[in-house]
Amino acid sequence: MKLEEEALIFNRDKEDVFVKKMTVLCNDIDSLVSSYLHPCNERTIIEQKIREVIFWSRYCSDMNGTK
C-alpha cells in the first residue's frame, strides 16, 4: 500500500471517530433533555439544535477534515 493511501485511510478513520463521538455525546444530551424537561416548544428547539450540531459536525469534518 502506498504512503498516500495509508494517510487517506488514517484521516478517514480519524474523521469517523470524531463523528461517532460527537453523535454519542449529542445522543446523551438529547436523553438528558428528554428525561428532565417537560415537553414544550423550547424543548423541541433544543432537540432540533442538537441534531444540527451532529449534522454540522459531520459536514465540517467532511469539508475540512479533522486535526
C-alpha atoms as a PDB file:
ATOM      1  CA  MET A   1       0.000   0.000   0.000  1.00  0.00           C
ATOM      2  CA  LYS A   2       1.294   3.434  -0.866  1.00  0.00           C
ATOM      3  CA  LEU A   3       2.041   6.001   1.790  1.00  0.00           C
ATOM      4  CA  GLU A   4      -0.612   8.343   0.372  1.00  0.00           C
ATOM      5  CA  GLU A   5      -3.273   5.637   0.633  1.00  0.00           C
ATOM      6  CA  GLU A   6      -2.302   4.921   4.237  1.00  0.00           C
ATOM      7  CA  ALA A   7      -2.546   8.632   5.066  1.00  0.00           C
ATOM      8  CA  LEU A   8      -6.007   8.870   3.489  1.00  0.00           C
ATOM      9  CA  ILE A   9      -7.225   5.829   5.421  1.00  0.00           C
ATOM     10  CA  PHE A  10      -5.795   7.240   8.670  1.00  0.00           C
ATOM     11  CA  ASN A  11      -7.510  10.613   8.160  1.00  0.00           C
ATOM     12  CA  ARG A  12     -10.802   8.965   7.201  1.00  0.00           C
ATOM     13  CA  ASP A  13     -10.690   6.808  10.317  1.00  0.00           C
ATOM     14  CA  LYS A  14      -9.972   9.873  12.473  1.00  0.00           C
ATOM     15  CA  GLU A  15     -12.960  11.658  10.964  1.00  0.00           C
ATOM     16  CA  ASP A  16     -15.165   8.627  11.593  1.00  0.00           C
ATOM     17  CA  VAL A  17     -14.094   8.536  15.245  1.00  0.00           C
ATOM     18  CA  PHE A  18     -14.871  12.252  15.619  1.00  0.00           C
ATOM     19  CA  VAL A  19     -18.342  11.933  14.095  1.00  0.00           C
ATOM     20  CA  LYS A  20     -19.155   8.844  16.174  1.00  0.00           C
ATOM     21  CA  LYS A  21     -18.015  10.517  19.412  1.00  0.00           C
ATOM     22  CA  MET A  22     -19.966  13.673  18.586  1.00  0.00           C
ATOM     23  CA  THR A  23     -23.058  11.586  17.857  1.00  0.00           C
ATOM     24  CA  VAL A  24     -22.747   9.708  21.154  1.00  0.00           C
ATOM     25  CA  LEU A  25     -22.316  12.952  23.118  1.00  0.00           C
ATOM     26  CA  CYS A  26     -25.295  14.576  21.411  1.00  0.00           C
ATOM     27  CA  ASN A  27     -27.438  11.498  21.996  1.00  0.00           C
ATOM     28  CA  ASP A  28     -26.518  11.650  25.693  1.00  0.00           C
ATOM     29  CA  ILE A  29     -27.524  15.315  25.832  1.00  0.00           C
ATOM     30  CA  ASP A  30     -30.741  14.549  23.971  1.00  0.00           C
ATOM     31  CA  SER A  31     -31.572  11.817  26.505  1.00  0.00           C
ATOM     32  CA  LEU A  32     -30.869  14.210  29.349  1.00  0.00           C
ATOM     33  CA  VAL A  33     -33.143  16.855  27.833  1.00  0.00           C
ATOM     34  CA  SER A  34     -35.919  14.316  27.266  1.00  0.00           C
ATOM     35  CA  SER A  35     -35.603  12.989  30.802  1.00  0.00           C
ATOM     36  CA  TYR A  36     -35.556  16.281  32.676  1.00  0.00           C
ATOM     37  CA  LEU A  37     -37.554  18.781  30.645  1.00  0.00           C
ATOM     38  CA  HIS A  38     -41.294  18.772  30.127  1.00  0.00           C
ATOM     39  CA  PRO A  39     -42.458  18.678  26.518  1.00  0.00           C
ATOM     40  CA  CYS A  40     -42.689  22.248  25.256  1.00  0.00           C
ATOM     41  CA  ASN A  41     -41.681  24.412  22.325  1.00  0.00           C
ATOM     42  CA  GLU A  42     -38.336  25.212  23.902  1.00  0.00           C
ATOM     43  CA  ARG A  43     -37.506  21.523  24.344  1.00  0.00           C
ATOM     44  CA  THR A  44     -38.353  20.923  20.701  1.00  0.00           C
ATOM     45  CA  ILE A  45     -35.953  23.717  19.729  1.00  0.00           C
ATOM     46  CA  ILE A  46     -33.208  22.182  21.895  1.00  0.00           C
ATOM     47  CA  GLU A  47     -33.727  18.790  20.250  1.00  0.00           C
ATOM     48  CA  GLN A  48     -33.551  20.387  16.814  1.00  0.00           C
ATOM     49  CA  LYS A  49     -30.340  22.243  17.695  1.00  0.00           C
ATOM     50  CA  ILE A  50     -28.760  19.033  18.971  1.00  0.00           C
ATOM     51  CA  ARG A  51     -29.484  17.377  15.616  1.00  0.00           C
ATOM     52  CA  GLU A  52     -27.993  20.427  13.888  1.00  0.00           C
ATOM     53  CA  VAL A  53     -24.790  20.002  15.905  1.00  0.00           C
ATOM     54  CA  ILE A  54     -24.479  16.430  14.634  1.00  0.00           C
ATOM     55  CA  PHE A  55     -25.106  17.436  11.032  1.00  0.00           C
ATOM     56  CA  TRP A  56     -22.766  20.477  11.146  1.00  0.00           C
ATOM     57  CA  SER A  57     -20.043  18.399  12.796  1.00  0.00           C
ATOM     58  CA  ARG A  58     -20.276  15.788  10.076  1.00  0.00           C
ATOM     59  CA  TYR A  59     -20.332  18.459   7.365  1.00  0.00           C
ATOM     60  CA  CYS A  60     -17.343  20.308   8.829  1.00  0.00           C
ATOM     61  CA  SER A  61     -15.409  17.065   9.151  1.00  0.00           C
ATOM     62  CA  ASP A  62     -16.216  16.122   5.546  1.00  0.00           C
ATOM     63  CA  MET A  63     -15.306  19.547   4.167  1.00  0.00           C
ATOM     64  CA  ASN A  64     -12.223  20.389   6.226  1.00  0.00           C
ATOM     65  CA  GLY A  65     -11.069  17.182   7.870  1.00  0.00           C
ATOM     66  CA  THR A  66     -10.036  16.836  11.492  1.00  0.00           C
ATOM     67  CA  LYS A  67      -6.876  17.779  13.357  1.00  0.00           C
END
